[in-house]
């Protein structure tokens, strides 16, 4: 699964880990995260994340 980086704070969303603090379980692809999800560090939306290699 692809990882994504926040353009504002640099947080890496790793689907293997998910975001347990936001009730996003491990193995959740970025595309399957609800659009209401925000970066847990800086609060921006999914639109501010870019795919990384």
Foldseek 3Di string as FASTA:
>chain_A
DWWKAQQPPGDIQDQQCADVVVPGHRNQDPVNDDQVDADPPPGHTPVRIDTDD
